[in-house]
Amino acid sequence: MTQHLAAPSTGTSDDAPGHRTGWWQDAVIYQVYPRSFADGNGDGMGDLAGVTARLPHLRDLGVDAVWLSPFYASPQADAGYDVSDYRAIDPMFGNLLDADALIREAHGLGLRVIVDLVPNHSSDQHEWFKRALAEGPGSALRERYHFRPGKGANGELPPNDWESIFGGPAWTRTVNPDGTPGDWYLHLFAPEQPDFNWEHPAVADEFRSILRFWLDMGVDGFRVDVAHGLVKAEGLPDLGSHEQLKLLGNDVMPFFDQDGVHAIYRSWRTILDEYPGERIAVAEAWTPTVERTANYVRPDEMHQAFNFQYLATAWDAAELREVIDSSLAAMRPVGAPATWVLSNHDVTRHATRFANPAGLGTQIRTPGDRETGLRRARAATLLMLALPGSAYVYQGEELGLPDVTDLPDEARQDPSFFRAEGQDGFRDGCRVPIPWTREGSSYGFGDGGSWLPQPAGWGELSVEAQTGVAGSTLELYRAAIAARREHPGLGAGTEVEWLDGPEGVLVFSRPGFVCTVNTTGAPVRIAAPGRVLLASSPVTADGAEAELPADTTVWWTV
């Protein structure tokens, strides 16, 4: 049942400390995966009260906003990305009063709040879908999803050859109220996640109402899940012999990145612009090119789009320069900021990705060389934070956390792990609850253990263990974000000027600032471009020259 607040928030965040025009243009935004951030009630599962209690950590880190992964009412078939009620909080996370308290506390600390929105699909326990099944063929509610008769003599074959992102057919056959086999319904993800039919006006009306509900609660924006998937090609044509990609579809697909999605986002932008405080929308859009991604952030659509091409780039100077150039060039014509991200809840943490050989993708099953991975991860972070635009930080990366690659099968909960094909099913490794303290059964996560097992020794990576320790990854993040706020050559703008450097070393300048990145596995001597502002590893500067250690980024003031 939806819970209603007696006195909802006014929705104004203009009075939050640090308010500035176009705040998202160069913001650092911190992703919280609520079930793995902090547990406020001791049941082993993170919740909104736990997040609220730990917001001072984000203030101290220096980020501008917090983005919360889904906390809506859900059967949790896909960790909350199967929503049964978009206006209610799942009891495992709390209630609407907890959400209101979190938003108010965040604003009081100068933090904006972005929430996940899941418009491509609902839960199969959503009231619309349950009624559509119960009423059977001919139900008007079936038109709000994609129900189709099957192929074959008796309708025993799926309507087309589309496959689920999680593996297997993208169609599940229903059973009619009289017990006979019925039509099929489309689900690009798990069978418990039926896709909405966005050609139906009731779907568009419902989501405009949902937007207003949360904007009235005071949220500062939405991260739109599967933003590229809402509209399907007319007639739902077969994919044919084309091999479906195993991730979210960065190739031309009849169910992804259709031009019709942009009318939806233009209508949403008019709603966002009605509210004070510069509310934003962020697209999770896997597209074939960064130029296609730029379509989502045209002036009358969304404000930001995740840069997955950058996330998937190897630790290689030439490849990094190419994706930086193409990203900035793609965003420039539409006047949108580039966004940069290295980790999130769907991919292997970059401290582990970079610990392994390039070419293994974003789902990696081996720990690799921990020392190399952490060194490269720290360097990659300073590179990311030096680039013009907005940066996203995934919870725990400020601690240098690796992926947990040895979770026992019986502990895993990622739905794609239990399917024969599709994604590799190892997303649980980046979702293990983060450590706050050196000691305790869950290293400060909560009093009741943790829903995924934490590795032994996790406490030495905790916030407590790293706070105030010179050279720790946490203090590196704090220093970098503080410098980014204070230095005019970091974050703002749309350009970098590339300078000559040795093989494997990136060198670029911005106003009053130079960034050097040694992506090689050996020290490299360069002409010192100025005074060291910050470095991911200790740097030796000797007069006019400096030695860059292997896999190191240095910020210089000039």
Protein backbone atom coordinates (compact mmCIF):
# COMPACT_ATOMS: atom_id res chain seq x y z
CA MET A 1 0.00 0.00 0.00
CA THR A 2 1.29 3.48 -0.84
CA GLN A 3 2.07 5.56 2.25
CA HIS A 4 1.27 9.28 2.11
CA LEU A 5 3.11 12.00 3.98
CA ALA A 6 1.04 14.42 6.03
CA ALA A 7 3.45 17.25 5.31
CA PRO A 8 5.69 16.56 2.31
CA SER A 9 8.85 18.49 1.54
CA THR A 10 8.49 21.75 -0.33
CA GLY A 11 10.85 20.46 -2.98
CA THR A 12 13.10 23.49 -2.95
CA SER A 13 16.80 22.83 -2.71
CA ASP A 14 17.93 26.39 -3.54
CA ASP A 15 18.85 27.01 0.09
CA ALA A 16 21.19 24.02 0.26
CA PRO A 17 24.76 25.17 0.91
CA GLY A 18 26.85 25.40 -2.23
CA HIS A 19 23.91 26.04 -4.58
CA ARG A 20 25.09 27.34 -7.92
CA THR A 21 23.69 27.66 -11.42
CA GLY A 22 24.24 24.64 -13.63
CA TRP A 23 25.52 22.66 -10.67
CA TRP A 24 25.52 19.39 -12.61
CA GLN A 25 27.94 20.69 -15.24
CA ASP A 26 30.99 19.79 -13.17
CA ALA A 27 29.43 17.95 -10.21
CA VAL A 28 30.94 14.95 -8.46
CA ILE A 29 28.04 12.55 -7.82
CA TYR A 30 28.30 9.60 -5.44
CA GLN A 31 26.32 6.43 -6.14
CA VAL A 32 24.81 4.68 -3.12
CA TYR A 33 23.63 1.10 -3.55
CA PRO A 34 21.30 1.18 -0.52
CA ARG A 35 21.35 -2.50 0.41
CA SER A 36 25.16 -2.41 0.65
CA PHE A 37 25.89 1.04 2.09
CA ALA A 38 24.78 1.01 5.75
CA ASP A 39 22.27 -0.98 7.80
CA GLY A 40 20.28 1.11 10.27
CA ASN A 41 18.08 -1.58 11.83
CA GLY A 42 20.47 -4.52 12.17
CA ASP A 43 18.76 -6.96 9.81
CA GLY A 44 21.84 -7.41 7.61
CA MET A 45 20.42 -5.33 4.76
CA GLY A 46 21.27 -1.70 4.09
CA ASP A 47 18.39 0.77 4.36
CA LEU A 48 17.48 4.46 4.11
CA ALA A 49 18.03 5.11 7.81
CA GLY A 50 21.54 3.70 7.43
CA VAL A 51 22.20 5.97 4.45
CA THR A 52 20.97 9.01 6.37
CA ALA A 53 23.26 8.22 9.30
CA ARG A 54 26.29 7.99 7.00
CA LEU A 55 25.63 11.14 4.94
CA PRO A 56 28.34 13.06 6.85
CA HIS A 57 30.89 10.76 5.16
CA LEU A 58 29.74 12.08 1.80
CA ARG A 59 29.88 15.66 3.01
CA ASP A 60 33.42 15.08 4.25
CA LEU A 61 34.34 13.42 0.96
CA GLY A 62 33.27 16.64 -0.75
CA VAL A 63 30.80 15.32 -3.34
CA ASP A 64 27.96 17.46 -4.66
CA ALA A 65 25.16 14.91 -4.80
CA VAL A 66 24.16 11.38 -3.88
CA TRP A 67 22.44 9.06 -6.35
CA LEU A 68 20.42 6.26 -4.77
CA SER A 69 19.79 2.98 -6.56
CA PRO A 70 16.16 1.76 -6.29
CA PHE A 71 14.46 1.60 -2.90
CA TYR A 72 10.88 1.29 -4.18
CA ALA A 73 8.42 -1.44 -3.19
CA SER A 74 9.63 -4.55 -5.00
CA PRO A 75 9.69 -8.36 -4.76
CA GLN A 76 13.47 -7.95 -5.24
CA ALA A 77 13.75 -10.35 -8.19
CA ASP A 78 16.46 -8.02 -9.54
CA ALA A 79 17.64 -6.08 -6.49
CA GLY A 80 14.82 -3.55 -6.70
CA TYR A 81 14.92 -2.94 -10.44
CA ASP A 82 11.59 -4.78 -10.54
CA VAL A 83 9.23 -2.17 -9.10
CA SER A 84 5.75 -3.05 -7.89
CA ASP A 85 4.84 0.43 -6.57
CA TYR A 86 6.75 3.53 -7.69
CA ARG A 87 5.30 5.69 -4.91
CA ALA A 88 6.15 3.41 -1.98
CA ILE A 89 9.35 2.37 -0.21
CA ASP A 90 10.10 -1.30 0.13
CA PRO A 91 9.84 -2.26 3.83
CA MET A 92 13.37 -3.67 3.69
CA PHE A 93 14.57 -0.07 3.18
CA GLY A 94 12.08 1.75 5.40
CA ASN A 95 9.13 3.96 4.50
CA LEU A 96 8.30 7.32 2.97
CA LEU A 97 9.07 9.12 6.22
CA ASP A 98 12.59 7.67 6.05
CA ALA A 99 12.93 8.91 2.48
CA ASP A 100 11.73 12.36 3.51
CA ALA A 101 14.22 12.44 6.39
CA LEU A 102 17.06 11.41 4.08
CA ILE A 103 16.25 14.14 1.56
CA ARG A 104 15.99 16.81 4.25
CA GLU A 105 19.22 15.72 5.97
CA ALA A 106 21.10 15.61 2.66
CA HIS A 107 19.95 19.10 1.76
CA GLY A 108 20.98 20.30 5.21
CA LEU A 109 24.49 18.99 4.53
CA GLY A 110 24.67 20.65 1.12
CA LEU A 111 24.08 17.43 -0.81
CA ARG A 112 21.59 17.00 -3.60
CA VAL A 113 19.63 13.76 -3.99
CA ILE A 114 19.13 11.87 -7.26
CA VAL A 115 16.93 8.77 -7.29
CA ASP A 116 16.74 5.90 -9.72
CA LEU A 117 13.72 5.72 -11.99
CA VAL A 118 12.90 2.44 -13.74
CA PRO A 119 10.56 3.19 -16.68
CA ASN A 120 11.41 0.39 -19.12
CA HIS A 121 9.71 -2.34 -17.10
CA SER A 122 7.80 -3.00 -13.91
CA SER A 123 7.62 -5.96 -11.60
CA ASP A 124 5.29 -8.78 -12.53
CA GLN A 125 3.71 -7.97 -9.15
CA HIS A 126 2.78 -4.45 -10.27
CA GLU A 127 -0.98 -4.01 -9.97
CA TRP A 128 -1.37 -3.36 -13.70
CA PHE A 129 0.39 -6.56 -14.68
CA LYS A 130 -1.34 -8.73 -12.08
CA ARG A 131 -4.73 -7.53 -13.28
CA ALA A 132 -3.72 -8.00 -16.93
CA LEU A 133 -2.94 -11.66 -16.21
CA ALA A 134 -6.04 -12.23 -14.10
CA GLU A 135 -8.39 -10.66 -16.64
CA GLY A 136 -6.92 -12.72 -19.48
CA PRO A 137 -6.88 -12.07 -23.24
CA GLY A 138 -8.73 -8.91 -24.19
CA SER A 139 -7.89 -7.07 -20.97
CA ALA A 140 -7.27 -3.39 -21.68
CA LEU A 141 -4.40 -3.50 -19.21
CA ARG A 142 -2.51 -5.89 -21.48
CA GLU A 143 -2.08 -3.03 -23.93
CA ARG A 144 0.17 -1.32 -21.37
CA TYR A 145 2.70 -4.13 -21.79
CA HIS A 146 3.81 -6.16 -24.82
CA PHE A 147 1.51 -9.19 -24.96
CA ARG A 148 1.61 -11.13 -28.23
CA PRO A 149 0.33 -14.48 -29.53
CA GLY A 150 3.04 -17.03 -30.11
CA LYS A 151 4.20 -18.49 -33.40
CA GLY A 152 3.78 -22.10 -34.44
CA ALA A 153 0.67 -24.22 -34.98
CA ASN A 154 -0.47 -23.77 -31.38
CA GLY A 155 1.33 -20.57 -30.43
CA GLU A 156 4.03 -22.60 -28.72
CA LEU A 157 6.95 -20.50 -30.05
CA PRO A 158 7.91 -16.98 -28.88
CA PRO A 159 6.62 -14.08 -31.01
CA ASN A 160 10.14 -13.22 -32.17
CA ASP A 161 13.77 -14.21 -31.63
CA TRP A 162 14.73 -11.57 -29.07
CA GLU A 163 16.80 -12.71 -26.13
CA SER A 164 16.79 -11.47 -22.55
CA ILE A 165 19.79 -9.47 -21.38
CA PHE A 166 19.96 -12.00 -18.55
CA GLY A 167 19.96 -14.92 -21.01
CA GLY A 168 17.28 -17.07 -22.61
CA PRO A 169 14.22 -15.89 -24.56
CA ALA A 170 12.91 -12.39 -23.94
CA TRP A 171 9.40 -13.84 -23.87
CA THR A 172 7.43 -15.83 -21.30
CA ARG A 173 4.17 -17.58 -22.06
CA THR A 174 1.18 -16.90 -19.85
CA VAL A 175 -1.51 -19.26 -18.64
CA ASN A 176 -5.08 -18.15 -19.24
CA PRO A 177 -7.52 -17.93 -16.33
CA ASP A 178 -9.06 -21.23 -17.51
CA GLY A 179 -5.68 -22.97 -17.36
CA THR A 180 -4.97 -23.11 -21.09
CA PRO A 181 -1.69 -21.80 -22.60
CA GLY A 182 -2.01 -18.12 -23.42
CA ASP A 183 -0.18 -15.23 -25.03
CA TRP A 184 3.45 -14.34 -24.44
CA TYR A 185 4.78 -11.16 -22.80
CA LEU A 186 8.05 -9.36 -23.46
CA HIS A 187 10.77 -8.93 -20.82
CA LEU A 188 14.18 -7.72 -21.96
CA PHE A 189 15.48 -8.60 -18.50
CA ALA A 190 14.14 -11.21 -16.05
CA PRO A 191 10.69 -12.80 -16.55
CA GLU A 192 9.66 -10.93 -13.40
CA GLN A 193 10.29 -7.64 -15.24
CA PRO A 194 7.71 -7.22 -18.03
CA ASP A 195 8.43 -4.34 -20.41
CA PHE A 196 6.01 -1.44 -20.55
CA ASN A 197 4.46 -0.49 -23.89
CA TRP A 198 5.37 3.17 -24.17
CA GLU A 199 3.10 3.60 -27.18
CA HIS A 200 0.17 3.48 -24.73
CA PRO A 201 -0.77 6.94 -23.37
CA ALA A 202 -1.55 5.59 -19.89
CA VAL A 203 2.09 4.59 -19.44
CA ALA A 204 3.33 8.07 -20.32
CA ASP A 205 0.69 9.66 -18.05
CA GLU A 206 1.65 7.42 -15.15
CA PHE A 207 5.34 8.26 -15.32
CA ARG A 208 4.71 11.98 -15.56
CA SER A 209 2.74 11.58 -12.34
CA ILE A 210 5.55 9.56 -10.74
CA LEU A 211 8.05 12.29 -11.65
CA ARG A 212 5.91 14.91 -9.95
CA PHE A 213 5.45 12.74 -6.85
CA TRP A 214 9.19 12.53 -6.21
CA LEU A 215 9.90 16.11 -7.28
CA ASP A 216 7.29 17.22 -4.75
CA MET A 217 9.16 15.11 -2.17
CA GLY A 218 12.20 17.25 -2.88
CA VAL A 219 14.49 15.06 -4.97
CA ASP A 220 16.92 16.94 -7.19
CA GLY A 221 16.83 14.58 -10.15
CA PHE A 222 16.48 11.13 -11.61
CA ARG A 223 18.89 8.61 -13.00
CA VAL A 224 16.83 6.90 -15.70
CA ASP A 225 17.44 3.16 -15.89
CA VAL A 226 17.65 1.63 -19.38
CA ALA A 227 16.84 5.04 -20.85
CA HIS A 228 17.62 3.67 -24.32
CA GLY A 229 15.10 0.84 -24.11
CA LEU A 230 11.64 2.33 -23.70
CA VAL A 231 10.62 2.35 -27.37
CA LYS A 232 10.80 -0.79 -29.52
CA ALA A 233 10.97 -0.91 -33.31
CA GLU A 234 7.57 -1.00 -34.96
CA GLY A 235 6.27 -4.53 -35.39
CA LEU A 236 8.92 -5.99 -33.02
CA PRO A 237 10.98 -7.41 -35.90
CA ASP A 238 13.26 -10.42 -35.52
CA LEU A 239 16.88 -9.76 -34.73
CA GLY A 240 17.93 -12.37 -37.28
CA SER A 241 21.41 -13.84 -37.33
CA HIS A 242 22.92 -10.86 -35.50
CA GLU A 243 24.50 -11.95 -32.26
CA GLN A 244 22.89 -10.20 -29.32
CA LEU A 245 25.40 -8.51 -27.06
CA LYS A 246 25.60 -9.76 -23.51
CA LEU A 247 25.56 -6.39 -21.82
CA LEU A 248 22.98 -3.66 -22.24
CA GLY A 249 23.25 -3.32 -26.00
CA ASN A 250 25.90 -0.98 -27.34
CA ASP A 251 25.01 -1.96 -30.89
CA VAL A 252 22.08 -1.34 -33.22
CA MET A 253 19.13 -3.30 -31.85
CA PRO A 254 15.37 -3.12 -32.57
CA PHE A 255 14.70 -2.82 -28.84
CA PHE A 256 17.39 -0.25 -27.92
CA ASP A 257 18.17 3.37 -28.81
CA GLN A 258 15.11 3.89 -31.00
CA ASP A 259 14.55 7.51 -32.00
CA GLY A 260 11.10 7.54 -30.37
CA VAL A 261 12.57 7.68 -26.86
CA HIS A 262 13.51 11.33 -27.32
CA ALA A 263 9.91 12.60 -27.40
CA ILE A 264 9.45 11.02 -23.97
CA TYR A 265 12.42 12.85 -22.51
CA ARG A 266 11.41 16.16 -24.03
CA SER A 267 8.08 15.86 -22.21
CA TRP A 268 9.90 15.04 -18.97
CA ARG A 269 12.20 18.05 -19.36
CA THR A 270 9.22 20.41 -19.32
CA ILE A 271 8.22 18.95 -15.94
CA LEU A 272 11.72 19.22 -14.49
CA ASP A 273 11.96 22.83 -15.62
CA GLU A 274 8.76 23.71 -13.75
CA TYR A 275 10.44 23.03 -10.41
CA PRO A 276 12.91 25.31 -8.61
CA GLY A 277 16.42 24.24 -7.71
CA GLU A 278 17.62 22.98 -11.11
CA ARG A 279 16.29 19.41 -11.11
CA ILE A 280 18.05 17.10 -13.57
CA ALA A 281 17.68 13.84 -15.46
CA VAL A 282 20.58 11.48 -16.15
CA ALA A 283 20.40 8.84 -18.87
CA GLU A 284 21.70 5.32 -18.49
CA ALA A 285 21.89 4.87 -22.23
CA TRP A 286 24.03 2.16 -23.82
CA THR A 287 24.39 3.28 -27.43
CA PRO A 288 26.59 2.29 -30.39
CA THR A 289 28.55 5.56 -30.30
CA VAL A 290 29.09 8.59 -28.10
CA GLU A 291 27.42 10.61 -30.85
CA ARG A 292 24.22 8.60 -30.29
CA THR A 293 24.60 9.13 -26.55
CA ALA A 294 24.73 12.88 -27.18
CA ASN A 295 21.19 12.74 -28.57
CA TYR A 296 19.91 12.14 -25.03
CA VAL A 297 21.36 15.40 -23.74
CA ARG A 298 20.21 17.86 -26.36
CA PRO A 299 19.11 21.17 -24.79
CA ASP A 300 15.46 20.15 -24.41
CA GLU A 301 16.07 16.59 -23.17
CA MET A 302 18.20 15.23 -20.33
CA HIS A 303 21.04 16.99 -18.55
CA GLN A 304 23.61 14.17 -18.45
CA ALA A 305 24.23 10.73 -19.94
CA PHE A 306 26.61 8.12 -18.61
CA ASN A 307 29.76 7.65 -20.65
CA PHE A 308 30.00 3.88 -20.86
CA GLN A 309 32.55 4.04 -23.65
CA TYR A 310 34.93 5.65 -21.16
CA LEU A 311 34.16 3.09 -18.44
CA ALA A 312 35.00 0.24 -20.81
CA THR A 313 38.32 1.73 -21.98
CA ALA A 314 41.50 -0.13 -21.11
CA TRP A 315 44.38 1.40 -19.14
CA ASP A 316 46.14 2.51 -22.31
CA ALA A 317 47.24 6.03 -23.19
CA ALA A 318 46.18 5.96 -26.85
CA GLU A 319 42.77 4.44 -26.12
CA LEU A 320 42.11 6.85 -23.27
CA ARG A 321 43.00 9.87 -25.37
CA GLU A 322 40.76 8.69 -28.18
CA VAL A 323 37.69 8.21 -25.94
CA ILE A 324 38.30 11.52 -24.14
CA ASP A 325 38.48 13.37 -27.46
CA SER A 326 35.43 11.65 -28.91
CA SER A 327 33.40 12.21 -25.73
CA LEU A 328 34.16 15.91 -25.56
CA ALA A 329 33.56 16.34 -29.29
CA ALA A 330 30.20 14.56 -29.14
CA MET A 331 28.89 16.66 -26.26
CA ARG A 332 30.11 20.01 -27.55
CA PRO A 333 27.48 20.50 -30.31
CA VAL A 334 24.58 19.84 -27.91
CA GLY A 335 26.05 22.01 -25.16
CA ALA A 336 26.01 19.23 -22.56
CA PRO A 337 28.77 18.35 -20.11
CA ALA A 338 30.72 15.17 -20.63
CA THR A 339 30.34 12.65 -17.80
CA TRP A 340 32.99 10.25 -16.60
CA VAL A 341 32.57 7.04 -14.62
CA LEU A 342 34.88 4.14 -13.75
CA SER A 343 32.68 1.83 -11.65
CA ASN A 344 29.05 1.16 -10.78
CA HIS A 345 26.80 -1.60 -9.43
CA ASP A 346 26.73 -3.50 -12.74
CA VAL A 347 30.43 -3.86 -13.56
CA THR A 348 33.61 -5.12 -11.94
CA ARG A 349 35.20 -2.43 -9.78
CA HIS A 350 37.99 -0.69 -11.65
CA ALA A 351 40.55 -1.61 -8.98
CA THR A 352 40.01 -5.22 -10.14
CA ARG A 353 39.45 -4.53 -13.85
CA PHE A 354 42.80 -2.77 -14.07
CA ALA A 355 44.45 -5.59 -12.09
CA ASN A 356 43.74 -7.96 -14.98
CA PRO A 357 44.88 -8.00 -18.62
CA ALA A 358 42.97 -5.72 -20.98
CA GLY A 359 40.28 -7.23 -23.18
CA LEU A 360 38.39 -9.19 -20.51
CA GLY A 361 35.41 -6.82 -20.57
CA THR A 362 33.63 -5.26 -17.60
CA GLN A 363 32.77 -8.53 -15.82
CA ILE A 364 35.98 -10.12 -14.54
CA ARG A 365 36.11 -13.25 -12.40
CA THR A 366 39.71 -13.20 -11.18
CA PRO A 367 41.30 -10.85 -8.61
CA GLY A 368 44.38 -10.16 -10.74
CA ASP A 369 47.35 -8.35 -9.25
CA ARG A 370 45.94 -6.31 -6.36
CA GLU A 371 48.87 -3.90 -6.09
CA THR A 372 48.83 -3.10 -9.80
CA GLY A 373 45.06 -2.76 -9.83
CA LEU A 374 44.95 -0.31 -6.93
CA ARG A 375 47.83 1.75 -8.32
CA ARG A 376 46.09 2.07 -11.70
CA ALA A 377 42.71 2.72 -10.09
CA ARG A 378 44.10 5.65 -8.11
CA ALA A 379 45.75 7.04 -11.22
CA ALA A 380 42.57 6.58 -13.27
CA THR A 381 40.58 8.45 -10.63
CA LEU A 382 42.87 11.50 -10.77
CA LEU A 383 42.66 11.44 -14.55
CA MET A 384 38.85 11.29 -14.42
CA LEU A 385 38.59 14.12 -11.90
CA ALA A 386 40.88 16.33 -14.02
CA LEU A 387 38.63 16.13 -17.07
CA PRO A 388 36.02 18.76 -17.91
CA GLY A 389 32.49 17.75 -16.99
CA SER A 390 30.86 15.73 -14.26
CA ALA A 391 32.24 12.63 -12.53
CA TYR A 392 30.48 9.71 -10.84
CA VAL A 393 31.94 7.81 -7.90
CA TYR A 394 30.61 4.39 -6.88
CA GLN A 395 30.40 3.66 -3.17
CA GLY A 396 33.57 2.07 -1.84
CA GLU A 397 35.84 3.10 -4.68
CA GLU A 398 37.08 5.91 -2.44
CA LEU A 399 38.38 3.09 -0.21
CA GLY A 400 40.10 1.33 -3.11
CA LEU A 401 37.82 -1.67 -2.71
CA PRO A 402 38.39 -4.55 -5.13
CA ASP A 403 35.66 -6.80 -6.44
CA VAL A 404 34.99 -9.84 -4.29
CA THR A 405 35.69 -12.56 -6.84
CA ASP A 406 35.45 -15.62 -4.56
CA LEU A 407 31.87 -15.40 -3.29
CA PRO A 408 30.46 -18.90 -2.83
CA ASP A 409 27.72 -19.83 -5.28
CA GLU A 410 25.21 -20.29 -2.47
CA ALA A 411 25.68 -16.65 -1.43
CA ARG A 412 25.06 -15.14 -4.86
CA GLN A 413 21.85 -13.25 -5.59
CA ASP A 414 22.40 -11.71 -9.04
CA PRO A 415 19.51 -13.08 -11.17
CA SER A 416 21.74 -13.36 -14.23
CA PHE A 417 23.96 -15.81 -12.31
CA PHE A 418 21.14 -18.34 -12.30
CA ARG A 419 20.52 -18.22 -16.04
CA ALA A 420 22.46 -20.21 -18.60
CA GLU A 421 23.39 -17.30 -20.86
CA GLY A 422 23.41 -13.51 -20.95
CA GLN A 423 25.48 -11.45 -18.53
CA ASP A 424 28.17 -13.37 -16.68
CA GLY A 425 26.22 -13.08 -13.45
CA PHE A 426 29.04 -11.84 -11.27
CA ARG A 427 27.65 -8.42 -10.36
CA ASP A 428 27.42 -9.47 -6.71
CA GLY A 429 31.18 -8.98 -6.45
CA CYS A 430 30.87 -5.18 -6.66
CA ARG A 431 27.82 -5.14 -4.37
CA VAL A 432 29.37 -6.56 -1.20
CA PRO A 433 28.58 -4.20 1.73
CA ILE A 434 31.31 -1.65 2.31
CA PRO A 435 33.41 -1.51 5.52
CA TRP A 436 33.18 1.44 7.89
CA THR A 437 35.21 0.25 10.89
CA ARG A 438 38.21 -1.99 11.54
CA GLU A 439 36.31 -4.35 13.82
CA GLY A 440 32.87 -5.89 14.10
CA SER A 441 30.92 -8.70 12.48
CA SER A 442 30.26 -6.53 9.43
CA TYR A 443 32.99 -3.89 9.84
CA GLY A 444 30.49 -1.24 10.88
CA PHE A 445 27.95 -1.95 8.15
CA GLY A 446 25.38 -2.93 10.80
CA ASP A 447 24.79 -4.99 13.90
CA GLY A 448 23.23 -7.95 12.10
CA GLY A 449 25.96 -9.07 9.70
CA SER A 450 25.73 -8.44 5.96
CA TRP A 451 23.56 -9.87 3.21
CA LEU A 452 26.65 -10.78 1.16
CA PRO A 453 29.75 -12.07 2.98
CA GLN A 454 32.59 -9.58 3.37
CA PRO A 455 36.17 -10.81 2.96
CA ALA A 456 38.49 -11.28 5.90
CA GLY A 457 40.70 -8.23 6.25
CA TRP A 458 38.01 -5.90 4.88
CA GLY A 459 38.40 -3.78 8.02
CA GLU A 460 41.84 -2.55 6.95
CA LEU A 461 40.18 -0.93 3.94
CA SER A 462 37.48 0.73 6.06
CA VAL A 463 36.71 4.41 6.43
CA GLU A 464 38.03 4.26 9.99
CA ALA A 465 41.32 2.64 8.96
CA GLN A 466 41.99 5.16 6.18
CA THR A 467 40.78 8.42 7.72
CA GLY A 468 43.67 10.75 8.44
CA VAL A 469 46.23 8.36 6.99
CA ALA A 470 48.49 10.20 4.56
CA GLY A 471 48.55 8.49 1.18
CA SER A 472 45.44 6.37 1.80
CA THR A 473 42.99 6.06 -1.07
CA LEU A 474 40.27 7.76 0.98
CA GLU A 475 42.46 10.77 1.69
CA LEU A 476 43.48 10.88 -1.97
CA TYR A 477 39.80 11.16 -2.98
CA ARG A 478 39.12 13.81 -0.35
CA ALA A 479 42.12 15.86 -1.48
CA ALA A 480 41.29 15.47 -5.16
CA ILE A 481 37.65 16.52 -4.79
CA ALA A 482 38.65 19.47 -2.59
CA ALA A 483 41.26 20.60 -5.13
CA ARG A 484 38.72 20.20 -7.93
CA ARG A 485 36.38 22.58 -6.11
CA GLU A 486 39.09 25.15 -5.47
CA HIS A 487 41.07 25.12 -8.71
CA PRO A 488 39.51 26.79 -11.78
CA GLY A 489 41.33 24.46 -14.17
CA LEU A 490 39.56 21.34 -12.91
CA GLY A 491 36.08 20.16 -13.79
CA ALA A 492 34.77 23.26 -15.50
CA GLY A 493 34.87 23.93 -19.24
CA THR A 494 34.71 21.67 -22.28
CA GLU A 495 38.26 21.47 -23.63
CA VAL A 496 41.64 19.92 -22.94
CA GLU A 497 44.83 20.91 -24.73
CA TRP A 498 47.06 17.92 -25.45
CA LEU A 499 50.77 18.38 -25.03
CA ASP A 500 53.63 16.22 -26.22
CA GLY A 501 54.77 13.45 -23.91
CA PRO A 502 56.75 10.20 -23.95
CA GLU A 503 55.21 7.00 -25.31
CA GLY A 504 52.48 5.79 -22.95
CA VAL A 505 52.19 9.13 -21.14
CA LEU A 506 49.20 11.46 -21.49
CA VAL A 507 49.86 15.15 -20.97
CA PHE A 508 47.17 17.81 -21.19
CA SER A 509 46.73 21.33 -19.91
CA ARG A 510 43.79 23.32 -18.64
CA PRO A 511 43.84 26.90 -17.32
CA GLY A 512 46.60 27.08 -14.70
CA PHE A 513 46.91 23.33 -14.57
CA VAL A 514 48.66 20.38 -16.23
CA CYS A 515 47.81 16.68 -15.85
CA THR A 516 50.35 13.93 -16.62
CA VAL A 517 49.37 10.28 -16.71
CA ASN A 518 51.92 7.48 -16.97
CA THR A 519 50.02 4.40 -18.13
CA THR A 520 53.17 2.32 -18.51
CA GLY A 521 54.46 -0.22 -16.04
CA ALA A 522 57.80 1.57 -15.59
CA PRO A 523 58.97 4.97 -14.30
CA VAL A 524 59.24 7.74 -16.91
CA ARG A 525 61.24 10.97 -16.67
CA ILE A 526 59.60 14.14 -17.96
CA ALA A 527 60.18 17.86 -17.85
CA ALA A 528 58.39 19.11 -14.72
CA PRO A 529 55.56 21.37 -15.99
CA GLY A 530 55.10 23.17 -12.66
CA ARG A 531 54.54 22.53 -8.97
CA VAL A 532 53.00 19.22 -7.84
CA LEU A 533 49.45 19.78 -6.63
CA LEU A 534 48.48 16.13 -6.10
CA ALA A 535 49.77 12.72 -7.20
CA SER A 536 48.33 9.21 -7.09
CA SER A 537 51.78 7.83 -6.15
CA PRO A 538 54.84 9.60 -4.62
CA VAL A 539 56.63 11.67 -7.27
CA THR A 540 60.27 12.67 -7.29
CA ALA A 541 60.80 16.17 -8.69
CA ASP A 542 64.40 17.30 -9.19
CA GLY A 543 64.52 20.86 -10.41
CA ALA A 544 63.35 21.03 -14.01
CA GLU A 545 62.71 17.27 -14.25
CA ALA A 546 60.48 14.77 -12.51
CA GLU A 547 60.16 11.01 -12.46
CA LEU A 548 56.64 9.65 -12.87
CA PRO A 549 56.30 6.25 -11.20
CA ALA A 550 54.59 3.44 -13.10
CA ASP A 551 50.82 3.86 -13.46
CA THR A 552 50.69 7.29 -11.86
CA THR A 553 48.75 10.51 -12.45
CA VAL A 554 50.13 13.87 -11.29
CA TRP A 555 48.34 17.22 -11.11
CA TRP A 556 50.60 20.26 -11.56
CA THR A 557 49.86 23.94 -11.03
CA VAL A 558 51.50 26.27 -13.54
